[in-house]
Protein backbone atom coordinates (compact mmCIF):
# COMPACT_ATOMS: atom_id res chain seq x y z
CA UNK A 1 111.71 135.56 84.92
CA UNK A 2 109.22 138.23 83.85
CA UNK A 3 105.68 138.74 85.12
CA UNK A 4 104.08 136.91 82.21
CA UNK A 5 105.90 133.70 83.26
CA UNK A 6 105.09 134.09 86.94
CA UNK A 7 102.24 133.63 89.41
CA UNK A 8 101.48 137.12 90.71
CA UNK A 9 99.26 138.36 93.55
CA UNK A 10 98.71 142.06 94.08
CA UNK A 11 97.23 142.88 97.49
CA UNK A 12 97.02 145.38 100.27
CA UNK A 13 94.99 146.93 103.10
CA UNK A 14 94.08 150.20 101.43
CA UNK A 15 94.67 149.17 97.84
CA UNK A 16 96.77 146.84 95.67
CA UNK A 17 100.07 148.26 96.87
CA UNK A 18 101.95 145.00 97.60
CA UNK A 19 103.03 142.27 95.23
CA UNK A 20 104.03 138.62 95.72
CA UNK A 21 105.48 136.47 92.94
CA UNK A 22 106.24 132.78 92.58
CA UNK A 23 106.86 130.27 89.81
CA UNK A 24 103.95 128.13 88.51
CA UNK A 25 104.24 124.38 88.99
CA UNK A 26 103.49 122.02 86.10
CA UNK A 27 100.99 119.29 86.99
CA UNK A 28 100.33 116.32 84.71
CA UNK A 29 97.14 114.40 85.47
CA UNK A 30 97.40 110.62 85.39
CA UNK A 31 94.44 110.17 83.01
CA UNK A 32 94.55 108.90 79.44
CA UNK A 33 95.36 112.32 77.94
CA UNK A 34 98.16 113.01 80.45
CA UNK A 35 96.74 116.52 80.52
CA UNK A 36 99.22 119.18 81.61
CA UNK A 37 98.29 122.33 83.44
CA UNK A 38 99.98 124.88 85.66
CA UNK A 39 99.21 125.27 89.36
CA UNK A 40 99.71 128.77 90.76
CA UNK A 41 100.58 129.02 94.47
CA UNK A 42 101.88 132.23 96.01
CA UNK A 43 102.67 132.81 99.69
CA UNK A 44 101.78 136.20 101.18
CA UNK A 45 104.08 137.15 104.06
CA UNK A 46 104.13 139.73 106.86
CA UNK A 47 100.36 140.07 106.98
CA UNK A 48 98.84 142.03 109.86
CA UNK A 49 96.59 139.99 112.18
CA UNK A 50 92.85 140.57 112.18
CA UNK A 51 93.06 142.78 109.11
CA UNK A 52 91.03 142.91 105.90
CA UNK A 53 93.02 142.71 102.66
CA UNK A 54 91.96 143.16 99.04
CA UNK A 55 93.71 141.14 96.32
CA UNK A 56 93.66 139.82 92.80
CA UNK A 57 95.72 137.20 90.97
CA UNK A 58 97.14 137.00 87.48
CA UNK A 59 99.72 138.83 85.39
CA UNK A 60 99.90 141.78 82.97
CA UNK A 61 98.17 139.46 80.49
CA UNK A 62 95.03 139.39 82.64
CA UNK A 63 93.73 139.57 86.23
CA UNK A 64 91.12 137.79 88.31
CA UNK A 65 88.23 139.56 89.95
CA UNK A 66 88.96 141.46 93.16
CA UNK A 67 88.57 139.47 96.37
CA UNK A 68 89.00 140.13 100.07
CA UNK A 69 90.10 138.12 103.08
CA UNK A 70 90.52 138.81 106.78
CA UNK A 71 93.66 137.48 108.44
CA UNK A 72 93.44 135.42 111.61
CA UNK A 73 93.42 137.33 114.86
CA UNK A 74 96.44 137.19 117.14
CA UNK A 75 96.54 135.19 120.35
CA UNK A 76 94.02 132.87 121.96
CA UNK A 77 91.43 135.22 123.49
CA UNK A 78 88.92 135.13 120.67
CA UNK A 79 86.14 132.85 119.47
CA UNK A 80 86.75 131.13 116.10
CA UNK A 81 83.63 130.34 114.06
CA UNK A 82 83.87 127.71 111.28
CA UNK A 83 81.67 125.93 108.77
CA UNK A 84 82.34 122.17 108.63
CA UNK A 85 81.29 119.58 106.06
CA UNK A 86 82.45 116.74 103.87
CA UNK A 87 81.48 115.05 100.62
CA UNK A 88 80.63 117.91 98.29
CA UNK A 89 80.54 117.26 94.55
CA UNK A 90 80.10 119.32 91.42
CA UNK A 91 76.68 117.76 90.91
CA UNK A 92 74.02 118.11 93.63
CA UNK A 93 76.12 120.41 95.84
CA UNK A 94 72.99 121.11 97.88
CA UNK A 95 74.65 123.15 100.63
CA UNK A 96 76.80 125.36 98.42
CA UNK A 97 74.42 128.30 97.75
CA UNK A 98 73.71 128.74 101.47
CA UNK A 99 77.41 128.50 102.30
CA UNK A 100 78.30 131.02 99.59
CA UNK A 101 75.83 133.51 101.05
CA UNK A 102 77.01 133.02 104.64
CA UNK A 103 80.69 133.25 103.73
CA UNK A 104 80.23 136.46 101.78
CA UNK A 105 78.24 137.93 104.67
CA UNK A 106 81.34 137.38 106.80
CA UNK A 107 79.91 134.75 109.16
CA UNK A 108 82.96 132.46 109.33
CA UNK A 109 86.65 132.58 110.08
CA UNK A 110 87.47 129.38 108.14
CA UNK A 111 86.05 126.30 106.42
CA UNK A 112 86.85 122.66 107.19
CA UNK A 113 86.16 120.40 104.19
CA UNK A 114 86.50 116.88 105.61
CA UNK A 115 87.37 114.96 102.44
CA UNK A 116 85.72 113.98 99.13
CA UNK A 117 85.73 116.73 96.54
CA UNK A 118 84.15 117.09 93.08
CA UNK A 119 83.43 113.35 92.50
CA UNK A 120 86.16 113.13 91.34
CA UNK A 121 88.90 115.68 90.77
CA UNK A 122 90.65 113.31 88.33
CA UNK A 123 87.48 112.59 86.32
CA UNK A 124 87.47 113.55 82.62
CA UNK A 125 91.22 114.06 82.66
CA UNK A 126 90.94 116.37 85.69
CA UNK A 127 88.47 118.76 84.08
CA UNK A 128 85.99 117.90 86.83
CA UNK A 129 88.63 119.01 89.32
CA UNK A 130 89.01 122.31 87.46
CA UNK A 131 85.27 122.88 87.61
CA UNK A 132 85.17 122.09 91.32
CA UNK A 133 87.89 124.62 92.09
CA UNK A 134 85.92 127.25 90.18
CA UNK A 135 82.80 126.21 92.06
CA UNK A 136 84.32 126.73 95.53
CA UNK A 137 86.07 129.97 94.51
CA UNK A 138 83.09 131.89 95.87
CA UNK A 139 84.01 130.49 99.31
CA UNK A 140 87.72 129.66 99.26
CA UNK A 141 88.73 133.04 97.78
CA UNK A 142 87.54 134.75 100.97
CA UNK A 143 88.91 132.65 103.83
CA UNK A 144 91.07 129.66 104.76
CA UNK A 145 89.66 126.52 103.13
CA UNK A 146 91.18 123.72 105.21
CA UNK A 147 91.01 120.18 103.85
CA UNK A 148 91.83 116.54 104.37
CA UNK A 149 91.84 113.77 101.74
CA UNK A 150 88.97 111.32 101.25
CA UNK A 151 88.61 108.11 99.30
CA UNK A 152 87.45 109.99 96.19
CA UNK A 153 90.87 111.68 95.99
CA UNK A 154 92.81 108.40 95.75
CA UNK A 155 93.50 108.28 91.99
CA UNK A 156 97.18 108.34 91.02
CA UNK A 157 98.22 108.42 94.70
CA UNK A 158 96.09 111.50 95.50
CA UNK A 159 97.91 113.56 92.86
CA UNK A 160 95.06 115.99 92.11
CA UNK A 161 94.46 116.63 95.80
CA UNK A 162 98.16 117.19 96.52
CA UNK A 163 98.56 119.54 93.55
CA UNK A 164 95.44 121.63 94.09
CA UNK A 165 95.54 122.29 97.84
CA UNK A 166 98.27 123.87 99.95
CA UNK A 167 97.87 123.03 103.62
CA UNK A 168 100.49 123.76 106.33
CA UNK A 169 103.44 121.46 106.94
CA UNK A 170 105.61 119.23 104.82
CA UNK A 171 103.38 116.25 103.99
CA UNK A 172 101.68 117.32 100.73
CA UNK A 173 98.51 118.41 102.60
CA UNK A 174 97.80 114.80 103.62
CA UNK A 175 98.17 115.48 107.36
CA UNK A 176 99.05 118.58 109.34
CA UNK A 177 98.07 120.68 112.35
CA UNK A 178 97.50 124.35 113.03
CA UNK A 179 96.41 126.64 115.85
CA UNK A 180 93.40 128.93 115.71
CA UNK A 181 92.61 130.95 118.81
CA UNK A 182 92.15 128.50 121.72
CA UNK A 183 91.99 125.47 119.37
CA UNK A 184 94.69 123.07 118.19
CA UNK A 185 93.33 121.49 114.99
CA UNK A 186 94.77 118.24 113.61
CA UNK A 187 93.94 117.03 110.10
CA UNK A 188 94.63 113.38 109.29
CA UNK A 189 94.45 111.04 106.33
CA UNK A 190 92.28 108.05 107.11
CA UNK A 191 92.95 106.87 103.56
CA UNK A 192 96.43 105.59 104.33
CA UNK A 193 94.73 102.67 106.12
CA UNK A 194 92.62 101.70 103.11
CA UNK A 195 94.93 102.16 100.13
CA UNK A 196 97.82 99.99 101.25
CA UNK A 197 98.75 99.45 97.60
CA UNK A 198 100.79 102.65 98.08
CA UNK A 199 102.63 101.03 101.00
CA UNK A 200 102.46 101.02 104.79
CA UNK A 201 105.05 103.74 105.29
CA UNK A 202 102.52 106.59 105.27
CA UNK A 203 100.47 104.89 108.01
CA UNK A 204 103.60 104.65 110.15
CA UNK A 205 104.85 108.14 109.35
CA UNK A 206 101.49 109.75 110.15
CA UNK A 207 101.07 107.78 113.38
CA UNK A 208 104.43 108.78 114.83
CA UNK A 209 103.98 112.39 113.65
CA UNK A 210 100.55 112.42 115.31
CA UNK A 211 101.96 111.11 118.58
CA UNK A 212 104.64 113.81 118.64
CA UNK A 213 102.12 116.52 117.71
CA UNK A 214 99.78 115.41 120.50
CA UNK A 215 102.63 115.28 123.01
CA UNK A 216 103.58 118.84 122.12
CA UNK A 217 99.97 120.03 122.30
CA UNK A 218 99.64 118.42 125.74
CA UNK A 219 102.63 120.11 127.33
CA UNK A 220 101.08 121.98 130.27
CA UNK A 221 101.98 125.41 128.92
CA UNK A 222 100.50 124.55 125.50
CA UNK A 223 97.32 122.86 126.74
CA UNK A 224 96.66 125.81 129.03
CA UNK A 225 97.05 128.21 126.12
CA UNK A 226 95.05 126.11 123.64
CA UNK A 227 92.92 123.72 125.68
CA UNK A 228 90.77 122.42 122.82
CA UNK A 229 92.17 119.66 120.60
CA UNK A 230 89.95 118.91 117.59
CA UNK A 231 90.78 116.31 114.95
CA UNK A 232 89.22 115.85 111.54
CA UNK A 233 89.58 112.99 109.07
CA UNK A 234 87.39 111.50 106.38
CA UNK A 235 86.32 107.97 107.38
CA UNK A 236 84.69 107.72 110.81
CA UNK A 237 85.50 105.25 113.57
CA UNK A 238 81.78 104.78 114.30
CA UNK A 239 78.58 105.01 112.25
CA UNK A 240 75.17 103.35 112.10
CA UNK A 241 74.55 103.61 108.36
CA UNK A 242 73.07 100.78 106.39
CA UNK A 243 75.88 99.95 104.00
CA UNK A 244 79.18 98.08 103.93
CA UNK A 245 81.51 100.94 104.84
CA UNK A 246 84.26 100.13 107.32
CA UNK A 247 82.65 102.12 110.14
CA UNK A 248 79.70 99.71 110.13
CA UNK A 249 82.03 96.93 111.34
CA UNK A 250 83.34 96.53 114.88
CA UNK A 251 87.07 96.67 114.16
CA UNK A 252 87.27 99.80 112.04
CA UNK A 253 90.83 100.13 110.75
CA UNK A 254 91.16 103.78 111.66
CA UNK A 255 89.97 102.90 115.16
CA UNK A 256 91.90 99.71 115.97
CA UNK A 257 94.67 99.71 113.34
CA UNK A 258 95.81 97.51 110.49
CA UNK A 259 94.17 94.09 110.10
CA UNK A 260 95.31 91.13 112.23
CA UNK A 261 98.08 93.02 114.04
CA UNK A 262 95.98 96.00 115.20
CA UNK A 263 98.95 98.32 114.78
CA UNK A 264 98.67 102.11 114.50
CA UNK A 265 95.02 102.44 115.54
CA UNK A 266 94.00 105.98 116.44
CA UNK A 267 91.28 105.57 119.05
CA UNK A 268 93.66 104.81 121.92
CA UNK A 269 96.04 107.56 120.81
CA UNK A 270 93.29 110.19 120.72
CA UNK A 271 91.86 108.96 124.03
CA UNK A 272 95.20 108.93 125.87
CA UNK A 273 96.05 112.46 124.73
CA UNK A 274 92.65 113.92 125.53
CA UNK A 275 91.27 114.85 122.11
CA UNK A 276 88.04 116.71 122.81
CA UNK A 277 86.18 116.44 119.51
CA UNK A 278 86.64 114.14 116.50
CA UNK A 279 84.99 115.29 113.25
CA UNK A 280 84.36 112.86 110.38
CA UNK A 281 82.51 112.65 107.06
CA UNK A 282 82.33 109.90 104.35
CA UNK A 283 78.80 108.85 105.33
CA UNK A 284 76.35 111.06 103.43
CA UNK A 285 74.37 111.86 106.54
CA UNK A 286 74.72 113.49 109.95
CA UNK A 287 75.33 111.56 113.16
CA UNK A 288 76.31 112.72 116.64
CA UNK A 289 77.55 110.13 119.12
CA UNK A 290 77.50 110.18 122.88
CA UNK A 291 80.98 110.55 124.43
CA UNK A 292 82.44 107.26 123.29
CA UNK A 293 85.43 104.94 123.67
CA UNK A 294 85.59 101.31 122.53
CA UNK A 295 81.82 101.21 121.92
CA UNK A 296 81.16 102.25 125.53
CA UNK A 297 79.38 105.51 126.41
CA UNK A 298 81.04 107.72 129.01
CA UNK A 299 78.62 110.58 129.50
CA UNK A 300 79.51 113.32 131.95
CA UNK A 301 76.22 112.71 133.74
CA UNK A 302 72.68 111.61 132.95
CA UNK A 303 71.45 115.22 132.96
CA UNK A 304 74.44 116.75 131.14
CA UNK A 305 76.16 114.09 129.01
CA UNK A 306 78.51 116.57 127.32
CA UNK A 307 79.67 118.35 130.50
CA UNK A 308 83.04 116.88 131.47
CA UNK A 309 82.54 113.68 129.45
CA UNK A 310 84.76 110.67 130.06
CA UNK A 311 85.70 110.16 126.40
CA UNK A 312 85.96 112.09 123.11
CA UNK A 313 82.87 113.20 121.20
CA UNK A 314 82.50 111.97 117.60
CA UNK A 315 80.42 113.86 115.03
CA UNK A 316 79.99 112.86 111.37
CA UNK A 317 78.82 115.55 108.92
CA UNK A 318 79.18 114.26 105.37
CA UNK A 319 76.00 115.45 103.70
CA UNK A 320 77.01 118.66 101.91
CA UNK A 321 75.67 117.10 98.71
CA UNK A 322 77.00 115.04 95.79
CA UNK A 323 75.69 112.82 93.00
CA UNK A 324 75.93 109.72 95.20
CA UNK A 325 73.08 111.22 97.21
CA UNK A 326 72.37 110.06 100.78
CA UNK A 327 73.38 107.08 102.93
CA UNK A 328 70.45 105.53 104.85
CA UNK A 329 70.65 104.41 108.47
CA UNK A 330 70.06 101.00 110.02
CA UNK A 331 66.53 100.75 111.43
CA UNK A 332 67.76 100.19 114.99
CA UNK A 333 69.79 103.09 116.40
CA UNK A 334 72.72 101.88 118.54
CA UNK A 335 72.86 102.99 122.18
CA UNK A 336 76.07 104.95 121.49
CA UNK A 337 74.41 107.05 118.74
CA UNK A 338 72.63 110.15 120.04
CA UNK A 339 71.15 111.85 116.95
CA UNK A 340 70.91 110.88 113.25
CA UNK A 341 69.65 112.77 110.21
CA UNK A 342 69.72 111.98 106.47
CA UNK A 343 69.20 115.66 105.53
CA UNK A 344 71.61 117.48 103.26
CA UNK A 345 73.49 120.10 105.23
CA UNK A 346 76.61 121.17 107.07
CA UNK A 347 77.81 122.02 110.56
CA UNK A 348 78.85 125.19 112.33
CA UNK A 349 81.49 125.10 115.04
CA UNK A 350 82.37 127.81 117.54
CA UNK A 351 84.70 127.73 120.53
CA UNK A 352 83.74 130.48 122.95
CA UNK A 353 86.45 130.09 125.60
CA UNK A 354 88.52 127.49 127.44
CA UNK A 355 85.43 125.68 128.75
CA UNK A 356 82.63 126.04 126.18
CA UNK A 357 82.39 124.67 122.62
CA UNK A 358 79.21 124.88 120.53
CA UNK A 359 78.39 122.89 117.40
CA UNK A 360 75.18 122.74 115.36
CA UNK A 361 73.97 121.01 112.21
CA UNK A 362 72.12 123.01 109.53
CA UNK A 363 69.60 121.25 107.29
CA UNK A 364 69.49 122.46 103.72
CA UNK A 365 66.39 120.32 103.18
CA UNK A 366 64.65 122.40 105.86
CA UNK A 367 65.75 125.77 104.43
CA UNK A 368 68.61 126.35 106.85
CA UNK A 369 66.90 125.15 110.03
CA UNK A 370 69.24 124.05 112.82
CA UNK A 371 68.29 120.41 113.41
CA UNK A 372 70.82 119.56 116.12
CA UNK A 373 73.00 121.45 118.56
CA UNK A 374 75.47 120.53 121.26
CA UNK A 375 77.33 122.39 124.00
CA UNK A 376 80.53 120.56 124.94
CA UNK A 377 81.59 121.91 128.34
CA UNK A 378 84.90 120.98 129.95
CA UNK A 379 86.25 122.38 133.19
CA UNK A 380 89.63 120.83 132.39
CA UNK A 381 91.30 119.22 129.38
CA UNK A 382 93.71 116.31 129.08
CA UNK A 383 93.90 112.53 128.85
CA UNK A 384 90.87 110.49 129.92
CA UNK A 385 90.85 107.89 132.73
CA UNK A 386 92.59 104.60 132.05
CA UNK A 387 90.13 101.87 131.07
CA UNK A 388 90.46 98.11 130.83
């Protein structure tokens, strides 16, 4: 193999002194043209923690622009800062310019994109997917761009999503976990519950993997090291939007499990293993719930509901902007819903230490104003009290 047949990255701390090479992978889209393209993925190894690298990609036939990234810091004694959003399309990507500016100013350590990309990556024989990847290059080229699949990725069994993203683990980026400072992040596919035409096996596989991952994260030595467990998946367990999405019904499949049998529901699993924060998208709006389990609020206290709450906290932030525009809310706000906003925007998440987590929602409609903020304070972490 020569360089012109390879995927090449040249990179380094003080200059482009290192080189990594891999073989491109052919990807054939499932559309009418069966369009073939090559996906270039190269793994950089032996990187120094907390260090700024410069790199470019290509071959002797041509190179990309120069980019930089900063590797993750070592250990747990630091304060990760992330931007979080879902449901961003090529058209009407309202939040993108502000995010581009903040990323290139070095505000964040990583991005969480909680499902639904491009609208849709397979559209126009995957050319819309190509355009979306170019669109987020001004963000994803500079830092980890962590993803989970949404319903708009479903075409051809999520083939565009699986080909274009490279998340940790062995499950084609559909579900995985990773550690970042004092946080254990878990990314899930809610879509397995809704596209059963691809079979039930992925629901089962993910559920048992999740249980083992949560058991490992809850070993005393691990929970002490990384006390915060944060999950993210596309379709929420709870919402108060005025539409016919699953979260508007009582027995949400992701929450209680598959219809009739109620197998493999995630609410009890996340509750029993003490998940602290559950992040969702799908609804093109922002909604923060009170600490919540089985439609019952378990605030820490009347004065400080998010200090030592008795259940996980759910936050939906799916309004980064797309051509489907916004999802309205029901006129009557349920008692378990704390704050709602239809504004376009995105969230910022920062864990300061073992006890304090901060999250805020930025409104793009209001020129970057912070329209909601929450301090989640926990003196200890672990499973919540048993409930009837």
